[in-house]
């Protein structure tokens, strides 16, 4: 099961597919970040592509 690289909490495979970076890193999860922070990470990832 994938884990958050920030807090080491387990996340679902679905969450990892949506929010993981191309490298597979998950920099924020619902346990350590607000939903706004997760959305910001998604925007940063999309801008990098």
PDB file of N, CA and C in Angstrom:
ATOM      1  N   UNK A   1       0.846  -1.174   0.000  1.00  0.00           N
ATOM      2  CA  UNK A   1       0.000   0.000   0.000  1.00  0.00           C
ATOM      3  C   UNK A   1       0.894   1.241   0.000  1.00  0.00           C
ATOM      4  N   UNK A   2       0.589   2.234  -0.822  1.00  0.00           N
ATOM      5  CA  UNK A   2       1.424   3.429  -0.890  1.00  0.00           C
ATOM      6  C   UNK A   2       1.350   4.246   0.400  1.00  0.00           C
ATOM      7  N   UNK A   3       2.394   5.015   0.647  1.00  0.00           N
ATOM      8  CA  UNK A   3       2.435   5.869   1.837  1.00  0.00           C
ATOM      9  C   UNK A   3       2.808   7.298   1.468  1.00  0.00           C
ATOM     10  N   UNK A   4       2.394   8.212   2.316  1.00  0.00           N
ATOM     11  CA  UNK A   4       2.708   9.626   2.173  1.00  0.00           C
ATOM     12  C   UNK A   4       4.180   9.829   2.545  1.00  0.00           C
ATOM     13  N   UNK A   5       4.918  10.532   1.702  1.00  0.00           N
ATOM     14  CA  UNK A   5       6.327  10.780   1.995  1.00  0.00           C
ATOM     15  C   UNK A   5       6.515  11.829   3.090  1.00  0.00           C
ATOM     16  N   UNK A   6       5.476  12.584   3.396  1.00  0.00           N
ATOM     17  CA  UNK A   6       5.582  13.610   4.430  1.00  0.00           C
ATOM     18  C   UNK A   6       5.338  13.044   5.825  1.00  0.00           C
ATOM     19  N   UNK A   7       4.240  12.271   5.985  1.00  0.00           N
ATOM     20  CA  UNK A   7       3.899  11.783   7.330  1.00  0.00           C
ATOM     21  C   UNK A   7       3.944  10.265   7.453  1.00  0.00           C
ATOM     22  N   UNK A   8       4.215   9.579   6.344  1.00  0.00           N
ATOM     23  CA  UNK A   8       4.335   8.123   6.323  1.00  0.00           C
ATOM     24  C   UNK A   8       3.012   7.387   6.555  1.00  0.00           C
ATOM     25  N   UNK A   9       1.883   8.086   6.420  1.00  0.00           N
ATOM     26  CA  UNK A   9       0.577   7.447   6.560  1.00  0.00           C
ATOM     27  C   UNK A   9       0.254   6.663   5.286  1.00  0.00           C
ATOM     28  N   UNK A  10      -0.489   5.594   5.443  1.00  0.00           N
ATOM     29  CA  UNK A  10      -0.932   4.824   4.279  1.00  0.00           C
ATOM     30  C   UNK A  10      -2.010   5.599   3.536  1.00  0.00           C
ATOM     31  N   UNK A  11      -1.958   5.537   2.217  1.00  0.00           N
ATOM     32  CA  UNK A  11      -2.996   6.124   1.370  1.00  0.00           C
ATOM     33  C   UNK A  11      -3.497   5.041   0.423  1.00  0.00           C
ATOM     34  N   UNK A  12      -4.676   5.252  -0.111  1.00  0.00           N
ATOM     35  CA  UNK A  12      -5.248   4.252  -1.012  1.00  0.00           C
ATOM     36  C   UNK A  12      -4.536   4.277  -2.365  1.00  0.00           C
ATOM     37  N   UNK A  13      -4.651   3.180  -3.084  1.00  0.00           N
ATOM     38  CA  UNK A  13      -4.092   3.124  -4.433  1.00  0.00           C
ATOM     39  C   UNK A  13      -4.714   4.195  -5.319  1.00  0.00           C
ATOM     40  N   UNK A  14      -6.008   4.424  -5.145  1.00  0.00           N
ATOM     41  CA  UNK A  14      -6.703   5.449  -5.931  1.00  0.00           C
ATOM     42  C   UNK A  14      -6.122   6.834  -5.639  1.00  0.00           C
ATOM     43  N   UNK A  15      -5.897   7.152  -4.369  1.00  0.00           N
ATOM     44  CA  UNK A  15      -5.304   8.437  -3.997  1.00  0.00           C
ATOM     45  C   UNK A  15      -3.929   8.575  -4.632  1.00  0.00           C
ATOM     46  N   UNK A  16      -3.141   7.526  -4.580  1.00  0.00           N
ATOM     47  CA  UNK A  16      -1.798   7.557  -5.164  1.00  0.00           C
ATOM     48  C   UNK A  16      -1.845   7.772  -6.673  1.00  0.00           C
ATOM     49  N   UNK A  17      -2.776   7.144  -7.357  1.00  0.00           N
ATOM     50  CA  UNK A  17      -2.898   7.332  -8.809  1.00  0.00           C
ATOM     51  C   UNK A  17      -3.205   8.781  -9.149  1.00  0.00           C
ATOM     52  N   UNK A  18      -4.006   9.434  -8.336  1.00  0.00           N
ATOM     53  CA  UNK A  18      -4.415  10.808  -8.623  1.00  0.00           C
ATOM     54  C   UNK A  18      -3.360  11.822  -8.196  1.00  0.00           C
ATOM     55  N   UNK A  19      -2.759  11.647  -7.013  1.00  0.00           N
ATOM     56  CA  UNK A  19      -1.928  12.699  -6.439  1.00  0.00           C
ATOM     57  C   UNK A  19      -0.428  12.435  -6.423  1.00  0.00           C
ATOM     58  N   UNK A  20       0.009  11.247  -6.762  1.00  0.00           N
ATOM     59  CA  UNK A  20       1.453  10.974  -6.759  1.00  0.00           C
ATOM     60  C   UNK A  20       2.143  11.712  -7.903  1.00  0.00           C
ATOM     61  N   UNK A  21       3.379  12.105  -7.657  1.00  0.00           N
ATOM     62  CA  UNK A  21       4.189  12.707  -8.710  1.00  0.00           C
ATOM     63  C   UNK A  21       4.606  11.622  -9.689  1.00  0.00           C
ATOM     64  N   UNK A  22       5.149  12.010 -10.823  1.00  0.00           N
ATOM     65  CA  UNK A  22       5.605  11.018 -11.802  1.00  0.00           C
ATOM     66  C   UNK A  22       6.632  10.068 -11.195  1.00  0.00           C
ATOM     67  N   UNK A  23       7.390  10.558 -10.233  1.00  0.00           N
ATOM     68  CA  UNK A  23       8.397   9.730  -9.568  1.00  0.00           C
ATOM     69  C   UNK A  23       7.774   8.727  -8.597  1.00  0.00           C
ATOM     70  N   UNK A  24       6.457   8.895  -8.335  1.00  0.00           N
ATOM     71  CA  UNK A  24       5.780   8.015  -7.391  1.00  0.00           C
ATOM     72  C   UNK A  24       5.676   8.599  -5.997  1.00  0.00           C
ATOM     73  N   UNK A  25       6.336   9.724  -5.754  1.00  0.00           N
ATOM     74  CA  UNK A  25       6.279  10.372  -4.436  1.00  0.00           C
ATOM     75  C   UNK A  25       4.892  10.946  -4.183  1.00  0.00           C
ATOM     76  N   UNK A  26       4.451  10.846  -2.946  1.00  0.00           N
ATOM     77  CA  UNK A  26       3.203  11.458  -2.508  1.00  0.00           C
ATOM     78  C   UNK A  26       3.595  12.480  -1.449  1.00  0.00           C
ATOM     79  N   UNK A  27       3.525  13.765  -1.813  1.00  0.00           N
ATOM     80  CA  UNK A  27       4.034  14.810  -0.936  1.00  0.00           C
ATOM     81  C   UNK A  27       3.022  15.304   0.081  1.00  0.00           C
ATOM     82  N   UNK A  28       1.748  14.953  -0.070  1.00  0.00           N
ATOM     83  CA  UNK A  28       0.719  15.372   0.873  1.00  0.00           C
ATOM     84  C   UNK A  28      -0.407  14.348   0.856  1.00  0.00           C
ATOM     85  N   UNK A  29      -1.028  14.155   1.994  1.00  0.00           N
ATOM     86  CA  UNK A  29      -2.161  13.234   2.091  1.00  0.00           C
ATOM     87  C   UNK A  29      -3.220  13.860   2.986  1.00  0.00           C
ATOM     88  N   UNK A  30      -4.402  13.270   3.044  1.00  0.00           N
ATOM     89  CA  UNK A  30      -5.451  13.844   3.903  1.00  0.00           C
ATOM     90  C   UNK A  30      -5.073  13.888   5.382  1.00  0.00           C
ATOM     91  N   UNK A  31      -4.142  13.046   5.814  1.00  0.00           N
ATOM     92  CA  UNK A  31      -3.746  13.045   7.227  1.00  0.00           C
ATOM     93  C   UNK A  31      -2.850  14.211   7.599  1.00  0.00           C
ATOM     94  N   UNK A  32      -2.106  14.750   6.665  1.00  0.00           N
ATOM     95  CA  UNK A  32      -1.132  15.791   7.019  1.00  0.00           C
ATOM     96  C   UNK A  32      -1.329  17.090   6.251  1.00  0.00           C
ATOM     97  N   UNK A  33      -2.367  17.173   5.460  1.00  0.00           N
ATOM     98  CA  UNK A  33      -2.564  18.371   4.657  1.00  0.00           C
ATOM     99  C   UNK A  33      -4.053  18.650   4.499  1.00  0.00           C
ATOM    100  N   UNK A  34      -4.382  19.902   4.318  1.00  0.00           N
ATOM    101  CA  UNK A  34      -5.775  20.245   4.058  1.00  0.00           C
ATOM    102  C   UNK A  34      -6.117  19.891   2.626  1.00  0.00           C
ATOM    103  N   UNK A  35      -7.371  19.800   2.308  1.00  0.00           N
ATOM    104  CA  UNK A  35      -7.767  19.519   0.933  1.00  0.00           C
ATOM    105  C   UNK A  35      -7.256  20.597  -0.007  1.00  0.00           C
ATOM    106  N   UNK A  36      -7.206  21.833   0.450  1.00  0.00           N
ATOM    107  CA  UNK A  36      -6.667  22.908  -0.385  1.00  0.00           C
ATOM    108  C   UNK A  36      -5.204  22.651  -0.697  1.00  0.00           C
ATOM    109  N   UNK A  37      -4.459  22.141   0.270  1.00  0.00           N
ATOM    110  CA  UNK A  37      -3.047  21.832   0.048  1.00  0.00           C
ATOM    111  C   UNK A  37      -2.874  20.705  -0.951  1.00  0.00           C
ATOM    112  N   UNK A  38      -3.738  19.716  -0.891  1.00  0.00           N
ATOM    113  CA  UNK A  38      -3.674  18.611  -1.840  1.00  0.00           C
ATOM    114  C   UNK A  38      -3.978  19.123  -3.240  1.00  0.00           C
ATOM    115  N   UNK A  39      -4.984  19.974  -3.353  1.00  0.00           N
ATOM    116  CA  UNK A  39      -5.324  20.543  -4.657  1.00  0.00           C
ATOM    117  C   UNK A  39      -4.156  21.362  -5.193  1.00  0.00           C
ATOM    118  N   UNK A  40      -3.468  22.095  -4.334  1.00  0.00           N
ATOM    119  CA  UNK A  40      -2.314  22.878  -4.766  1.00  0.00           C
ATOM    120  C   UNK A  40      -1.202  21.966  -5.276  1.00  0.00           C
ATOM    121  N   UNK A  41      -0.970  20.868  -4.601  1.00  0.00           N
ATOM    122  CA  UNK A  41       0.039  19.903  -5.067  1.00  0.00           C
ATOM    123  C   UNK A  41      -0.320  19.375  -6.454  1.00  0.00           C
ATOM    124  N   UNK A  42      -1.600  19.127  -6.684  1.00  0.00           N
ATOM    125  CA  UNK A  42      -2.036  18.647  -7.996  1.00  0.00           C
ATOM    126  C   UNK A  42      -1.767  19.700  -9.066  1.00  0.00           C
ATOM    127  N   UNK A  43      -2.017  20.972  -8.748  1.00  0.00           N
ATOM    128  CA  UNK A  43      -1.750  22.049  -9.708  1.00  0.00           C
ATOM    129  C   UNK A  43      -0.261  22.169  -9.994  1.00  0.00           C
ATOM    130  N   UNK A  44       0.577  22.052  -8.972  1.00  0.00           N
ATOM    131  CA  UNK A  44       2.023  22.122  -9.150  1.00  0.00           C
ATOM    132  C   UNK A  44       2.488  20.983 -10.046  1.00  0.00           C
ATOM    133  N   UNK A  45       1.982  19.781  -9.786  1.00  0.00           N
ATOM    134  CA  UNK A  45       2.359  18.619 -10.588  1.00  0.00           C
ATOM    135  C   UNK A  45       1.953  18.816 -12.041  1.00  0.00           C
ATOM    136  N   UNK A  46       0.734  19.295 -12.272  1.00  0.00           N
ATOM    137  CA  UNK A  46       0.251  19.485 -13.636  1.00  0.00           C
ATOM    138  C   UNK A  46       1.043  20.575 -14.358  1.00  0.00           C
ATOM    139  N   UNK A  47       1.440  21.604 -13.652  1.00  0.00           N
ATOM    140  CA  UNK A  47       2.219  22.683 -14.259  1.00  0.00           C
ATOM    141  C   UNK A  47       3.601  22.199 -14.675  1.00  0.00           C
ATOM    142  N   UNK A  48       4.138  21.225 -13.956  1.00  0.00           N
ATOM    143  CA  UNK A  48       5.472  20.690 -14.249  1.00  0.00           C
ATOM    144  C   UNK A  48       5.449  19.813 -15.500  1.00  0.00           C
ATOM    145  N   UNK A  49       4.294  19.312 -15.886  1.00  0.00           N
ATOM    146  CA  UNK A  49       4.207  18.421 -17.047  1.00  0.00           C
ATOM    147  C   UNK A  49       4.066  19.194 -18.278  1.00  0.00           C
TER     148      UNK A  49
END
